[in-house]
């Protein structure tokens, strides 16, 4: 596929971030479970995102927010982990324009799927559609991407899972 990279130290795989090359790189790392998603957005794009993770010893880890503070709407979604887990991410990226007309390519909307439900879309579904091609036989265990004033790109780390009989 070319977009999947193996992280041998954790035995996880990663999808390359979708979106633009703007902003600064960030990587939350790899955890046991994702407990909450916090999405901040406004009328133009996804302004920021933050995840809360469960570590190996059961403690909660909350890395810093990725993005800016312009969006007025904040949605927080709690997952019923460990039985509920993220399996897919979809969205749109495209240009928004600053006050003097300069284009900036950012994440415009995001949708998430768990093994139990669909979440979103959050933001505006305009621009170039992206979807991480998953079969549902994965568990997302961390996120990475790029951000500055807005969320510029998003990708994730995952573990393949097997179906038990």
N, C-alpha and C. Protein backbone atom coordinates (compact mmCIF):
# COMPACT_ATOMS: atom_id res chain seq x y z
N UNK A 1 0.80 -1.20 0.00
CA UNK A 1 0.00 0.00 0.00
C UNK A 1 0.84 1.26 0.00
N UNK A 2 2.03 1.21 0.54
CA UNK A 2 2.90 2.36 0.53
C UNK A 2 2.62 3.36 1.63
N UNK A 3 1.42 3.39 2.15
CA UNK A 3 1.08 4.35 3.19
C UNK A 3 1.21 3.76 4.58
N UNK A 4 1.42 2.47 4.69
CA UNK A 4 1.52 1.83 5.99
C UNK A 4 2.98 1.65 6.34
N UNK A 5 3.34 2.06 7.55
CA UNK A 5 4.71 1.94 8.03
C UNK A 5 4.70 1.15 9.33
N UNK A 6 5.60 0.17 9.44
CA UNK A 6 5.66 -0.63 10.66
C UNK A 6 6.51 0.07 11.70
N UNK A 7 6.03 0.07 12.94
CA UNK A 7 6.78 0.59 14.09
C UNK A 7 7.21 -0.63 14.89
N UNK A 8 8.41 -1.11 14.62
CA UNK A 8 8.86 -2.37 15.20
C UNK A 8 8.96 -2.34 16.71
N UNK A 9 9.28 -1.16 17.29
CA UNK A 9 9.44 -1.11 18.74
C UNK A 9 8.14 -1.42 19.48
N UNK A 10 6.99 -1.13 18.89
CA UNK A 10 5.72 -1.42 19.54
C UNK A 10 4.93 -2.51 18.83
N UNK A 11 5.44 -3.00 17.69
CA UNK A 11 4.75 -3.98 16.85
C UNK A 11 3.41 -3.44 16.36
N UNK A 12 3.35 -2.14 16.14
CA UNK A 12 2.16 -1.52 15.56
C UNK A 12 2.50 -1.07 14.15
N UNK A 13 1.46 -0.70 13.42
CA UNK A 13 1.60 -0.15 12.09
C UNK A 13 1.05 1.27 12.11
N UNK A 14 1.45 2.08 11.15
CA UNK A 14 0.99 3.47 11.08
C UNK A 14 0.53 3.81 9.69
N UNK A 15 -0.57 4.57 9.59
CA UNK A 15 -0.99 5.15 8.34
C UNK A 15 -0.37 6.54 8.25
N UNK A 16 0.21 6.85 7.11
CA UNK A 16 0.78 8.16 6.85
C UNK A 16 -0.33 9.21 6.99
N UNK A 17 0.02 10.36 7.55
CA UNK A 17 -0.97 11.42 7.77
C UNK A 17 -1.55 11.91 6.45
N UNK A 18 -2.85 12.16 6.43
CA UNK A 18 -3.56 12.73 5.29
C UNK A 18 -3.78 14.21 5.58
N UNK A 19 -3.69 15.03 4.55
CA UNK A 19 -3.87 16.47 4.70
C UNK A 19 -2.73 17.19 4.02
N UNK A 20 -2.30 18.30 4.61
CA UNK A 20 -1.26 19.11 4.00
C UNK A 20 0.07 18.96 4.73
N UNK A 21 1.09 19.61 4.19
CA UNK A 21 2.42 19.58 4.81
C UNK A 21 2.63 20.77 5.73
N UNK A 22 1.59 21.57 5.96
CA UNK A 22 1.71 22.73 6.83
C UNK A 22 1.76 22.34 8.30
N UNK A 23 2.06 23.31 9.13
CA UNK A 23 2.08 23.08 10.58
C UNK A 23 3.32 22.32 11.01
N UNK A 24 3.31 21.91 12.27
CA UNK A 24 4.41 21.17 12.88
C UNK A 24 4.00 19.73 13.14
N UNK A 25 4.97 18.82 12.97
CA UNK A 25 4.71 17.40 13.24
C UNK A 25 4.43 17.17 14.72
N UNK A 26 3.52 16.23 15.00
CA UNK A 26 3.27 15.76 16.36
C UNK A 26 2.96 14.28 16.31
N UNK A 27 3.19 13.60 17.41
CA UNK A 27 2.92 12.17 17.50
C UNK A 27 2.60 11.86 18.96
N UNK A 28 1.35 11.46 19.22
CA UNK A 28 0.95 11.14 20.59
C UNK A 28 1.57 9.85 21.09
N UNK A 29 1.99 8.96 20.20
CA UNK A 29 2.54 7.68 20.60
C UNK A 29 1.51 6.57 20.48
N UNK A 30 1.80 5.44 21.12
CA UNK A 30 0.98 4.23 21.04
C UNK A 30 0.53 3.84 22.44
N UNK A 31 -0.75 3.54 22.60
CA UNK A 31 -1.33 3.21 23.89
C UNK A 31 -2.22 1.97 23.79
N UNK A 32 -2.77 1.56 24.91
CA UNK A 32 -3.66 0.38 24.91
C UNK A 32 -5.04 0.71 24.34
N UNK A 33 -5.59 1.85 24.75
CA UNK A 33 -6.94 2.22 24.33
C UNK A 33 -7.06 3.72 24.17
N UNK A 34 -8.02 4.14 23.36
CA UNK A 34 -8.39 5.55 23.25
C UNK A 34 -9.66 5.72 24.07
N UNK A 35 -9.61 6.60 25.06
CA UNK A 35 -10.74 6.80 25.96
C UNK A 35 -11.68 7.89 25.49
N UNK A 36 -11.13 9.03 25.06
CA UNK A 36 -11.97 10.14 24.60
C UNK A 36 -11.36 10.83 23.40
N UNK A 37 -12.22 11.44 22.60
CA UNK A 37 -11.83 12.29 21.49
C UNK A 37 -12.42 13.66 21.77
N UNK A 38 -11.64 14.71 21.59
CA UNK A 38 -12.14 16.07 21.73
C UNK A 38 -11.84 16.79 20.43
N UNK A 39 -12.88 17.27 19.75
CA UNK A 39 -12.74 17.91 18.45
C UNK A 39 -13.24 19.34 18.57
N UNK A 40 -12.39 20.30 18.20
CA UNK A 40 -12.76 21.72 18.22
C UNK A 40 -12.85 22.19 16.78
N UNK A 41 -13.99 22.78 16.41
CA UNK A 41 -14.18 23.21 15.03
C UNK A 41 -15.09 24.42 14.99
N UNK A 42 -15.04 25.10 13.87
CA UNK A 42 -15.88 26.28 13.66
C UNK A 42 -16.53 26.19 12.30
N UNK A 43 -16.71 27.33 11.67
CA UNK A 43 -17.39 27.38 10.39
C UNK A 43 -16.53 27.01 9.20
N UNK A 44 -15.19 26.86 9.40
CA UNK A 44 -14.32 26.65 8.25
C UNK A 44 -13.59 25.32 8.24
N UNK A 45 -13.23 24.81 9.42
CA UNK A 45 -12.35 23.64 9.45
C UNK A 45 -12.27 23.05 10.85
N UNK A 46 -11.46 22.00 10.98
CA UNK A 46 -11.14 21.44 12.29
C UNK A 46 -10.00 22.29 12.85
N UNK A 47 -10.27 22.97 13.94
CA UNK A 47 -9.28 23.86 14.53
C UNK A 47 -8.28 23.09 15.38
N UNK A 48 -8.77 22.10 16.13
CA UNK A 48 -7.88 21.37 17.03
C UNK A 48 -8.48 20.02 17.37
N UNK A 49 -7.61 19.15 17.85
CA UNK A 49 -8.04 17.81 18.26
C UNK A 49 -7.18 17.39 19.45
N UNK A 50 -7.79 16.63 20.35
CA UNK A 50 -7.06 16.09 21.49
C UNK A 50 -7.66 14.72 21.82
N UNK A 51 -6.79 13.79 22.20
CA UNK A 51 -7.22 12.44 22.55
C UNK A 51 -6.79 12.15 23.98
N UNK A 52 -7.57 11.32 24.64
CA UNK A 52 -7.21 10.81 25.97
C UNK A 52 -7.01 9.32 25.81
N UNK A 53 -5.89 8.83 26.29
CA UNK A 53 -5.52 7.43 26.11
C UNK A 53 -5.44 6.70 27.43
N UNK A 54 -5.54 5.38 27.36
CA UNK A 54 -5.31 4.51 28.51
C UNK A 54 -3.98 3.81 28.29
N UNK A 55 -3.06 3.98 29.26
CA UNK A 55 -1.75 3.35 29.18
C UNK A 55 -1.79 1.90 29.62
N UNK A 56 -0.64 1.24 29.51
CA UNK A 56 -0.54 -0.19 29.85
C UNK A 56 -0.87 -0.48 31.30
N UNK A 57 -0.57 0.46 32.19
CA UNK A 57 -0.85 0.24 33.61
C UNK A 57 -2.23 0.76 34.02
N UNK A 58 -3.06 1.13 33.04
CA UNK A 58 -4.41 1.59 33.32
C UNK A 58 -4.53 3.08 33.58
N UNK A 59 -3.39 3.79 33.64
CA UNK A 59 -3.46 5.23 33.89
C UNK A 59 -3.92 5.98 32.64
N UNK A 60 -4.45 7.18 32.85
CA UNK A 60 -4.95 8.01 31.76
C UNK A 60 -3.85 8.98 31.33
N UNK A 61 -3.62 9.06 30.03
CA UNK A 61 -2.63 9.96 29.45
C UNK A 61 -3.37 10.93 28.54
N UNK A 62 -3.14 12.24 28.75
CA UNK A 62 -3.78 13.26 27.92
C UNK A 62 -2.70 14.16 27.33
N UNK A 63 -2.22 13.85 26.12
CA UNK A 63 -1.26 14.74 25.47
C UNK A 63 -1.89 16.10 25.18
N UNK A 64 -1.05 17.07 24.84
CA UNK A 64 -1.57 18.42 24.58
C UNK A 64 -2.47 18.44 23.36
N UNK A 65 -3.27 19.47 23.29
CA UNK A 65 -4.17 19.70 22.15
C UNK A 65 -3.32 20.03 20.93
N UNK A 66 -3.77 19.56 19.77
CA UNK A 66 -3.07 19.80 18.51
C UNK A 66 -3.91 20.74 17.66
N UNK A 67 -3.44 21.97 17.48
CA UNK A 67 -4.14 22.97 16.69
C UNK A 67 -4.33 24.24 17.48
N UNK A 68 -5.26 25.07 17.01
CA UNK A 68 -5.47 26.40 17.60
C UNK A 68 -6.76 26.49 18.38
N UNK A 69 -7.19 27.73 18.61
CA UNK A 69 -8.32 28.00 19.49
C UNK A 69 -9.47 28.75 18.81
N UNK A 70 -9.47 28.83 17.49
CA UNK A 70 -10.47 29.66 16.82
C UNK A 70 -11.87 29.06 16.85
N UNK A 71 -12.01 27.75 16.71
CA UNK A 71 -13.32 27.11 16.65
C UNK A 71 -14.10 27.24 17.94
N UNK A 72 -15.35 27.59 17.82
CA UNK A 72 -16.20 27.81 19.00
C UNK A 72 -16.93 26.56 19.47
N UNK A 73 -17.00 25.54 18.62
CA UNK A 73 -17.72 24.34 18.99
C UNK A 73 -16.72 23.25 19.40
N UNK A 74 -16.94 22.69 20.59
CA UNK A 74 -16.08 21.61 21.08
C UNK A 74 -16.95 20.41 21.40
N UNK A 75 -16.63 19.28 20.79
CA UNK A 75 -17.36 18.04 21.02
C UNK A 75 -16.40 17.07 21.72
N UNK A 76 -16.87 16.48 22.80
CA UNK A 76 -16.08 15.46 23.48
C UNK A 76 -16.86 14.15 23.44
N UNK A 77 -16.20 13.10 22.96
CA UNK A 77 -16.84 11.79 22.81
C UNK A 77 -16.07 10.79 23.67
N UNK A 78 -16.80 10.12 24.54
CA UNK A 78 -16.19 9.08 25.38
C UNK A 78 -16.48 7.72 24.75
N UNK A 79 -15.43 6.93 24.64
CA UNK A 79 -15.58 5.56 24.14
C UNK A 79 -15.71 4.61 25.32
N UNK A 80 -16.46 3.56 25.14
CA UNK A 80 -16.66 2.57 26.18
C UNK A 80 -15.53 1.52 26.08
N UNK A 81 -14.29 1.99 26.36
CA UNK A 81 -13.16 1.07 26.21
C UNK A 81 -13.06 0.18 27.44
N UNK A 82 -12.58 -1.01 27.32
CA UNK A 82 -11.88 -1.55 26.16
C UNK A 82 -12.79 -2.23 25.14
N UNK A 83 -14.11 -2.37 25.41
CA UNK A 83 -14.95 -3.09 24.45
C UNK A 83 -15.20 -2.29 23.17
N UNK A 84 -15.22 -0.95 23.24
CA UNK A 84 -15.41 -0.11 22.06
C UNK A 84 -14.07 0.52 21.70
N UNK A 85 -13.72 0.45 20.42
CA UNK A 85 -12.44 1.00 19.98
C UNK A 85 -12.59 1.55 18.56
N UNK A 86 -11.73 2.49 18.21
CA UNK A 86 -11.75 3.10 16.89
C UNK A 86 -11.20 2.14 15.84
N UNK A 87 -11.87 2.10 14.67
CA UNK A 87 -11.40 1.25 13.58
C UNK A 87 -11.14 2.02 12.29
N UNK A 88 -11.61 3.28 12.19
CA UNK A 88 -11.45 4.00 10.93
C UNK A 88 -11.61 5.50 11.12
N UNK A 89 -10.96 6.27 10.22
CA UNK A 89 -11.03 7.73 10.20
C UNK A 89 -11.26 8.16 8.75
N UNK A 90 -12.16 9.12 8.55
CA UNK A 90 -12.46 9.67 7.23
C UNK A 90 -12.54 11.18 7.36
N UNK A 91 -12.42 11.89 6.27
CA UNK A 91 -12.57 13.34 6.33
C UNK A 91 -12.33 14.01 5.01
N UNK A 92 -12.21 15.33 5.09
CA UNK A 92 -11.93 16.18 3.94
C UNK A 92 -10.83 17.15 4.33
N UNK A 93 -9.96 17.47 3.37
CA UNK A 93 -9.01 18.56 3.57
C UNK A 93 -9.08 19.47 2.36
N UNK A 94 -8.78 20.74 2.58
CA UNK A 94 -8.84 21.71 1.50
C UNK A 94 -8.46 23.08 2.00
N UNK A 95 -8.49 24.05 1.09
CA UNK A 95 -8.05 25.40 1.42
C UNK A 95 -9.11 26.20 2.17
N UNK A 96 -8.64 26.96 3.14
CA UNK A 96 -9.39 28.06 3.72
C UNK A 96 -8.52 29.29 3.48
N UNK A 97 -9.08 30.47 3.60
CA UNK A 97 -8.33 31.69 3.28
C UNK A 97 -8.26 32.59 4.50
N UNK A 98 -7.06 33.16 4.73
CA UNK A 98 -6.89 34.08 5.86
C UNK A 98 -7.48 35.44 5.50
N UNK A 99 -7.32 36.38 6.40
CA UNK A 99 -7.95 37.71 6.23
C UNK A 99 -7.45 38.48 5.02
N UNK A 100 -6.25 38.14 4.53
CA UNK A 100 -5.73 38.86 3.36
C UNK A 100 -5.77 37.99 2.09
N UNK A 101 -6.45 36.85 2.17
CA UNK A 101 -6.68 36.03 0.99
C UNK A 101 -5.67 34.95 0.72
N UNK A 102 -4.77 34.67 1.64
CA UNK A 102 -3.79 33.59 1.45
C UNK A 102 -4.42 32.24 1.76
N UNK A 103 -4.25 31.25 0.84
CA UNK A 103 -4.84 29.93 1.09
C UNK A 103 -4.00 29.11 2.06
N UNK A 104 -4.69 28.33 2.90
CA UNK A 104 -4.05 27.39 3.80
C UNK A 104 -4.81 26.08 3.70
N UNK A 105 -4.11 24.99 3.38
CA UNK A 105 -4.74 23.68 3.25
C UNK A 105 -4.79 23.02 4.63
N UNK A 106 -5.99 22.74 5.12
CA UNK A 106 -6.19 22.19 6.46
C UNK A 106 -7.24 21.08 6.42
N UNK A 107 -7.40 20.38 7.52
CA UNK A 107 -8.46 19.38 7.65
C UNK A 107 -9.78 20.13 7.82
N UNK A 108 -10.72 19.88 6.92
CA UNK A 108 -12.01 20.57 6.94
C UNK A 108 -13.06 19.82 7.76
N UNK A 109 -12.99 18.47 7.73
CA UNK A 109 -13.95 17.69 8.52
C UNK A 109 -13.34 16.34 8.87
N UNK A 110 -13.89 15.73 9.92
CA UNK A 110 -13.48 14.40 10.36
C UNK A 110 -14.69 13.58 10.75
N UNK A 111 -14.63 12.29 10.46
CA UNK A 111 -15.60 11.30 10.93
C UNK A 111 -14.79 10.11 11.44
N UNK A 112 -15.32 9.46 12.46
CA UNK A 112 -14.65 8.31 13.05
C UNK A 112 -15.63 7.15 13.08
N UNK A 113 -15.11 5.94 13.01
CA UNK A 113 -15.92 4.75 13.18
C UNK A 113 -15.32 3.92 14.30
N UNK A 114 -16.19 3.41 15.17
CA UNK A 114 -15.76 2.44 16.16
C UNK A 114 -16.31 1.08 15.74
N UNK A 115 -15.98 0.06 16.48
CA UNK A 115 -16.55 -1.25 16.20
C UNK A 115 -18.03 -1.30 16.55
N UNK A 116 -18.57 -0.21 17.17
CA UNK A 116 -19.98 -0.18 17.58
C UNK A 116 -20.82 0.92 16.93
N UNK A 117 -20.19 2.03 16.47
CA UNK A 117 -20.97 3.17 15.97
C UNK A 117 -20.13 4.08 15.09
N UNK A 118 -20.84 5.00 14.40
CA UNK A 118 -20.20 6.04 13.59
C UNK A 118 -20.28 7.36 14.35
N UNK A 119 -19.23 8.17 14.24
CA UNK A 119 -19.15 9.45 14.95
C UNK A 119 -18.84 10.54 13.93
N UNK A 120 -19.72 11.52 13.85
CA UNK A 120 -19.49 12.63 12.93
C UNK A 120 -20.42 12.55 11.73
N UNK A 121 -20.21 13.42 10.77
CA UNK A 121 -19.02 14.23 10.55
C UNK A 121 -18.99 15.48 11.43
N UNK A 122 -17.77 15.92 11.73
CA UNK A 122 -17.52 17.14 12.47
C UNK A 122 -16.81 18.08 11.51
N UNK A 123 -17.28 19.33 11.41
CA UNK A 123 -16.71 20.29 10.47
C UNK A 123 -17.48 20.29 9.17
N UNK A 124 -16.84 20.80 8.12
CA UNK A 124 -17.49 20.98 6.82
C UNK A 124 -16.93 19.98 5.81
N UNK A 125 -17.81 19.23 5.18
CA UNK A 125 -17.39 18.22 4.19
C UNK A 125 -17.19 18.88 2.84
N UNK A 126 -16.08 19.61 2.71
CA UNK A 126 -15.70 20.28 1.46
C UNK A 126 -14.22 20.07 1.23
N UNK A 127 -13.86 19.96 -0.04
CA UNK A 127 -12.45 19.80 -0.40
C UNK A 127 -12.19 18.40 -0.92
N UNK A 128 -11.02 17.89 -0.61
CA UNK A 128 -10.59 16.57 -1.07
C UNK A 128 -10.92 15.53 -0.01
N UNK A 129 -11.70 14.55 -0.40
CA UNK A 129 -12.08 13.50 0.54
C UNK A 129 -10.91 12.55 0.77
N UNK A 130 -10.72 12.12 2.02
CA UNK A 130 -9.73 11.09 2.31
C UNK A 130 -10.37 10.06 3.22
N UNK A 131 -9.86 8.86 3.10
CA UNK A 131 -10.35 7.75 3.90
C UNK A 131 -9.19 6.79 4.10
N UNK A 132 -9.01 6.33 5.29
CA UNK A 132 -8.00 5.32 5.53
C UNK A 132 -8.64 3.97 5.26
N UNK A 133 -8.14 3.23 4.28
CA UNK A 133 -8.79 1.97 3.88
C UNK A 133 -8.55 0.88 4.92
N UNK A 134 -9.54 0.63 5.72
CA UNK A 134 -9.42 -0.42 6.72
C UNK A 134 -10.52 -1.44 6.51
N UNK A 135 -10.27 -2.63 6.98
CA UNK A 135 -11.24 -3.72 6.86
C UNK A 135 -12.06 -3.85 8.13
N UNK A 136 -11.77 -3.01 9.13
CA UNK A 136 -12.42 -3.17 10.42
C UNK A 136 -11.68 -4.15 11.31
N UNK A 137 -10.61 -4.75 10.77
CA UNK A 137 -9.85 -5.72 11.54
C UNK A 137 -8.60 -5.07 12.16
N UNK A 138 -8.78 -3.80 12.55
CA UNK A 138 -7.71 -3.09 13.23
C UNK A 138 -8.26 -2.39 14.46
N UNK A 139 -7.37 -1.99 15.32
CA UNK A 139 -7.71 -1.18 16.49
C UNK A 139 -6.75 0.00 16.48
N UNK A 140 -7.29 1.22 16.41
CA UNK A 140 -6.45 2.42 16.42
C UNK A 140 -5.97 2.63 17.86
N UNK A 141 -4.65 2.80 18.01
CA UNK A 141 -4.05 2.89 19.35
C UNK A 141 -3.25 4.18 19.56
N UNK A 142 -3.32 5.11 18.63
CA UNK A 142 -2.64 6.39 18.78
C UNK A 142 -2.76 7.22 17.52
N UNK A 143 -2.50 8.52 17.65
CA UNK A 143 -2.61 9.44 16.51
C UNK A 143 -1.34 10.24 16.33
N UNK A 144 -1.14 10.68 15.08
CA UNK A 144 -0.04 11.59 14.75
C UNK A 144 -0.52 12.51 13.64
N UNK A 145 0.22 13.56 13.37
CA UNK A 145 -0.17 14.47 12.30
C UNK A 145 0.65 15.74 12.31
N UNK A 146 0.04 16.81 11.80
CA UNK A 146 0.66 18.13 11.77
C UNK A 146 -0.40 19.16 12.16
N UNK A 147 0.04 20.19 12.88
CA UNK A 147 -0.88 21.26 13.24
C UNK A 147 -0.11 22.54 13.51
N UNK A 148 -0.84 23.63 13.42
CA UNK A 148 -0.35 24.97 13.73
C UNK A 148 -1.55 25.72 14.30
N UNK A 149 -2.04 26.69 13.52
CA UNK A 149 -3.26 27.40 13.93
C UNK A 149 -4.49 26.50 13.79
N UNK A 150 -4.37 25.49 12.93
CA UNK A 150 -5.46 24.55 12.66
C UNK A 150 -4.89 23.14 12.62
N UNK A 151 -5.74 22.13 12.47
CA UNK A 151 -5.29 20.76 12.23
C UNK A 151 -4.97 20.65 10.74
N UNK A 152 -3.69 20.45 10.42
CA UNK A 152 -3.24 20.40 9.02
C UNK A 152 -3.27 19.00 8.43
N UNK A 153 -2.98 17.98 9.24
CA UNK A 153 -2.96 16.60 8.75
C UNK A 153 -3.18 15.66 9.92
N UNK A 154 -3.70 14.46 9.63
CA UNK A 154 -3.94 13.47 10.68
C UNK A 154 -3.66 12.07 10.14
N UNK A 155 -3.04 11.24 10.97
CA UNK A 155 -2.79 9.84 10.70
C UNK A 155 -2.90 9.07 12.01
N UNK A 156 -2.72 7.77 11.96
CA UNK A 156 -2.86 7.01 13.20
C UNK A 156 -1.99 5.78 13.22
N UNK A 157 -1.78 5.28 14.44
CA UNK A 157 -1.08 4.01 14.69
C UNK A 157 -2.15 2.97 14.99
N UNK A 158 -1.94 1.73 14.54
CA UNK A 158 -2.96 0.71 14.78
C UNK A 158 -2.33 -0.66 14.98
N UNK A 159 -3.13 -1.52 15.55
CA UNK A 159 -2.78 -2.92 15.73
C UNK A 159 -3.76 -3.77 14.93
N UNK A 160 -3.28 -4.74 14.18
CA UNK A 160 -4.21 -5.69 13.55
C UNK A 160 -4.88 -6.52 14.66
N UNK A 161 -6.14 -6.83 14.49
CA UNK A 161 -6.83 -7.67 15.48
C UNK A 161 -7.36 -8.90 14.78
N UNK A 162 -7.54 -9.94 15.53
CA UNK A 162 -8.10 -11.16 14.94
C UNK A 162 -9.53 -11.33 15.44
N UNK A 163 -10.32 -12.02 14.65
CA UNK A 163 -11.72 -12.28 15.02
C UNK A 163 -11.75 -13.58 15.79
N UNK A 164 -12.26 -13.51 17.02
CA UNK A 164 -12.36 -14.74 17.80
C UNK A 164 -13.69 -15.42 17.51
N UNK A 165 -13.69 -16.72 17.57
CA UNK A 165 -14.91 -17.48 17.26
C UNK A 165 -15.83 -17.53 18.45
